[in-house]
Amino acid sequence: MRIDILTLFPEMCENVLSESIIGRARENKAVEINCVQIRDYSKDKHKRVDDTPYGGGMGMVMQAQPIYDCYCDLCEKVGTKPHLIFMSPQGKTLTQQRVKELSKMENIAILCGHYEGVDERVIEKIVDEEIHFGVERTGHSGGHWFISTITEHEDRIEFKGTIQYIGPQDNSFSD
């Protein structure tokens, strides 16, 4: 399985994903996780990625262009379109069943927003699904704190040998 995390804070994600169970899974080549800097795709000379919302509204959102270019580059590198998840408070609540389904996918990309979110055109054109983690608000943090949760869930289900595998049926949260 390959997971690409599209973010403005790849170092923060790398630090978390290089430790514990996920860190071991990465070392053992049980999963490939790449943290991609969206800012590298900005055409602005100052690498600015924020803008006012398309169609109006309060606050700032991440521009469509750097996200779209980052996504297109990822598709080219992978050789296929990964399943793109946007971490959003408007998304469906992540369930154990959905984690099982995601763990069977070969390529997943997770888009972490920032500010008030992302330009709505990104969601309309390239996002496959929006996910959130219950009552937590992921808007300003972009869901970065939950990346380890989603990747670790997939690891426990799919990658036997990384930890003593007990299986999701024995997990108290799997029902």
Protein backbone atom coordinates (compact mmCIF):
# COMPACT_ATOMS: atom_id res chain seq x y z
CA MET A 1 0.00 0.00 0.00
CA ARG A 2 1.11 3.52 -0.77
CA ILE A 3 -0.16 6.56 1.13
CA ASP A 4 0.72 10.09 0.03
CA ILE A 5 -0.01 12.97 2.38
CA LEU A 6 -0.41 16.34 0.65
CA THR A 7 0.26 19.02 3.23
CA LEU A 8 1.82 22.36 4.11
CA PHE A 9 3.53 20.64 7.06
CA PRO A 10 5.34 17.53 5.78
CA GLU A 11 7.98 17.68 8.53
CA MET A 12 5.29 17.48 11.22
CA CYS A 13 3.74 14.45 9.51
CA GLU A 14 7.13 12.79 8.95
CA ASN A 15 7.99 13.13 12.64
CA VAL A 16 4.81 11.38 13.73
CA LEU A 17 4.89 8.75 10.97
CA SER A 18 8.50 7.77 11.62
CA GLU A 19 7.74 6.50 15.13
CA SER A 20 6.04 3.53 16.75
CA ILE A 21 4.01 1.05 14.71
CA ILE A 22 3.90 3.11 11.53
CA GLY A 23 7.62 3.80 11.72
CA ARG A 24 8.30 0.06 11.93
CA ALA A 25 5.89 -0.66 9.09
CA ARG A 26 7.72 1.89 6.93
CA GLU A 27 11.13 0.46 7.84
CA ASN A 28 9.91 -3.07 7.01
CA LYS A 29 8.50 -1.85 3.65
CA ALA A 30 5.02 -2.98 4.71
CA VAL A 31 3.69 0.43 3.70
CA GLU A 32 5.08 3.35 1.71
CA ILE A 33 4.15 6.75 3.11
CA ASN A 34 5.25 9.98 1.44
CA CYS A 35 4.68 13.47 2.81
CA VAL A 36 4.45 16.00 -0.03
CA GLN A 37 4.89 19.77 0.39
CA ILE A 38 2.04 21.50 -1.47
CA ARG A 39 3.87 24.85 -1.24
CA ASP A 40 6.49 23.49 -3.70
CA TYR A 41 3.81 23.67 -6.41
CA SER A 42 2.91 27.33 -5.87
CA LYS A 43 3.60 29.60 -8.84
CA ASP A 44 3.81 32.62 -6.55
CA LYS A 45 7.38 33.89 -6.16
CA HIS A 46 6.92 33.85 -2.37
CA LYS A 47 5.39 30.32 -2.46
CA ARG A 48 2.12 31.72 -1.10
CA VAL A 49 -0.74 29.19 -1.09
CA ASP A 50 -3.59 31.09 0.60
CA ASP A 51 -6.29 33.18 -1.06
CA THR A 52 -9.79 34.47 -0.47
CA PRO A 53 -12.50 31.87 -1.08
CA TYR A 54 -13.65 31.40 -4.67
CA GLY A 55 -17.16 32.86 -4.76
CA GLY A 56 -16.62 34.93 -1.60
CA GLY A 57 -16.80 34.26 2.10
CA MET A 58 -14.81 34.92 5.24
CA GLY A 59 -11.23 33.96 5.94
CA MET A 60 -8.63 32.45 3.67
CA VAL A 61 -8.46 29.06 1.96
CA MET A 62 -5.71 27.14 0.25
CA GLN A 63 -5.51 27.99 -3.45
CA ALA A 64 -6.66 25.42 -6.01
CA GLN A 65 -3.62 25.73 -8.31
CA PRO A 66 -0.87 24.40 -6.00
CA ILE A 67 -3.09 21.57 -4.76
CA TYR A 68 -4.15 20.60 -8.27
CA ASP A 69 -0.58 20.70 -9.62
CA CYS A 70 0.65 18.66 -6.65
CA TYR A 71 -2.10 16.10 -7.26
CA CYS A 72 -1.37 15.88 -11.00
CA ASP A 73 2.34 15.36 -10.29
CA LEU A 74 1.46 12.62 -7.81
CA CYS A 75 -0.79 10.89 -10.37
CA GLU A 76 2.05 10.97 -12.88
CA LYS A 77 4.57 9.57 -10.38
CA VAL A 78 2.24 6.79 -9.21
CA GLY A 79 1.04 6.02 -12.72
CA THR A 80 -2.60 6.03 -11.67
CA LYS A 81 -5.15 8.19 -9.87
CA PRO A 82 -4.93 7.55 -6.11
CA HIS A 83 -8.07 7.65 -4.00
CA LEU A 84 -8.00 11.24 -2.66
CA ILE A 85 -9.34 11.88 0.84
CA PHE A 86 -9.77 15.42 2.14
CA MET A 87 -9.66 15.78 5.94
CA SER A 88 -12.69 17.98 6.59
CA PRO A 89 -15.22 18.69 9.35
CA GLN A 90 -17.89 18.44 6.62
CA GLY A 91 -16.86 14.87 5.77
CA LYS A 92 -18.32 11.55 6.81
CA THR A 93 -17.22 10.19 10.16
CA LEU A 94 -14.45 7.63 9.82
CA THR A 95 -15.66 4.20 10.89
CA GLN A 96 -13.88 0.89 11.39
CA GLN A 97 -15.74 -0.45 8.34
CA ARG A 98 -14.46 2.40 6.18
CA VAL A 99 -10.92 1.81 7.47
CA LYS A 100 -11.21 -1.84 6.37
CA GLU A 101 -12.31 -0.72 2.92
CA LEU A 102 -9.51 1.85 2.65
CA SER A 103 -6.91 -0.71 3.75
CA LYS A 104 -7.65 -2.74 0.62
CA MET A 105 -6.83 0.16 -1.70
CA GLU A 106 -3.43 0.20 -3.35
CA ASN A 107 -2.95 3.99 -3.49
CA ILE A 108 -4.43 6.56 -1.16
CA ALA A 109 -3.68 10.28 -1.02
CA ILE A 110 -4.73 12.36 1.97
CA LEU A 111 -5.15 16.11 1.51
CA CYS A 112 -4.70 18.19 4.66
CA GLY A 113 -6.20 21.64 4.37
CA HIS A 114 -5.27 24.71 6.34
CA TYR A 115 -6.72 28.15 7.10
CA GLU A 116 -10.49 27.84 6.55
CA GLY A 117 -10.01 24.82 4.26
CA VAL A 118 -9.35 24.50 0.55
CA ASP A 119 -10.79 26.15 -2.53
CA GLU A 120 -14.14 24.47 -3.19
CA ARG A 121 -13.12 23.70 -6.79
CA VAL A 122 -10.54 21.23 -5.43
CA ILE A 123 -13.26 19.30 -3.62
CA GLU A 124 -15.53 19.35 -6.67
CA LYS A 125 -12.88 18.30 -9.21
CA ILE A 126 -10.38 15.91 -7.58
CA VAL A 127 -11.45 14.85 -4.07
CA ASP A 128 -13.01 11.38 -3.90
CA GLU A 129 -14.29 11.65 -0.33
CA GLU A 130 -14.21 13.87 2.73
CA ILE A 131 -13.54 12.29 6.12
CA HIS A 132 -13.58 13.58 9.69
CA PHE A 133 -13.06 11.95 13.09
CA GLY A 134 -16.33 12.58 14.87
CA VAL A 135 -16.82 15.74 16.88
CA GLU A 136 -13.25 17.01 16.45
CA ARG A 137 -12.84 20.08 14.28
CA THR A 138 -10.14 19.59 11.64
CA GLY A 139 -10.47 22.92 9.80
CA HIS A 140 -7.48 25.01 10.91
CA SER A 141 -5.26 22.04 11.79
CA GLY A 142 -6.14 20.40 8.47
CA GLY A 143 -6.45 16.99 10.05
CA HIS A 144 -2.70 16.65 10.55
CA TRP A 145 -3.11 15.33 14.08
CA PHE A 146 -5.34 12.56 12.77
CA ILE A 147 -2.99 11.32 10.03
CA SER A 148 -1.33 8.85 12.39
CA THR A 149 -4.76 7.55 13.38
CA ILE A 150 -5.84 6.79 9.83
CA THR A 151 -2.50 5.27 8.81
CA GLU A 152 -2.18 3.25 12.01
CA HIS A 153 -5.70 1.87 11.59
CA GLU A 154 -4.82 0.69 8.10
CA ASP A 155 -1.55 -0.75 9.37
CA ARG A 156 -3.21 -2.81 12.08
CA ILE A 157 -5.71 -4.26 9.66
CA GLU A 158 -3.55 -4.87 6.63
CA PHE A 159 0.09 -5.29 7.61
CA LYS A 160 0.49 -8.39 9.70
CA GLY A 161 4.01 -8.77 11.07
CA THR A 162 4.43 -5.14 12.07
CA ILE A 163 2.97 -5.76 15.53
CA GLN A 164 1.63 -8.88 17.19
CA TYR A 165 -1.40 -9.24 14.96
CA ILE A 166 -4.62 -9.81 16.88
CA GLY A 167 -6.93 -8.71 14.08
CA PRO A 168 -9.68 -6.11 14.04
CA GLN A 169 -12.25 -8.60 15.30
CA ASP A 170 -10.50 -8.49 18.69
CA ASN A 171 -10.35 -4.69 18.77
CA SER A 172 -12.94 -3.23 21.13
CA PHE A 173 -13.67 -0.42 18.66
CA SER A 174 -14.28 -2.60 15.60
CA ASP A 175 -18.06 -2.92 16.01
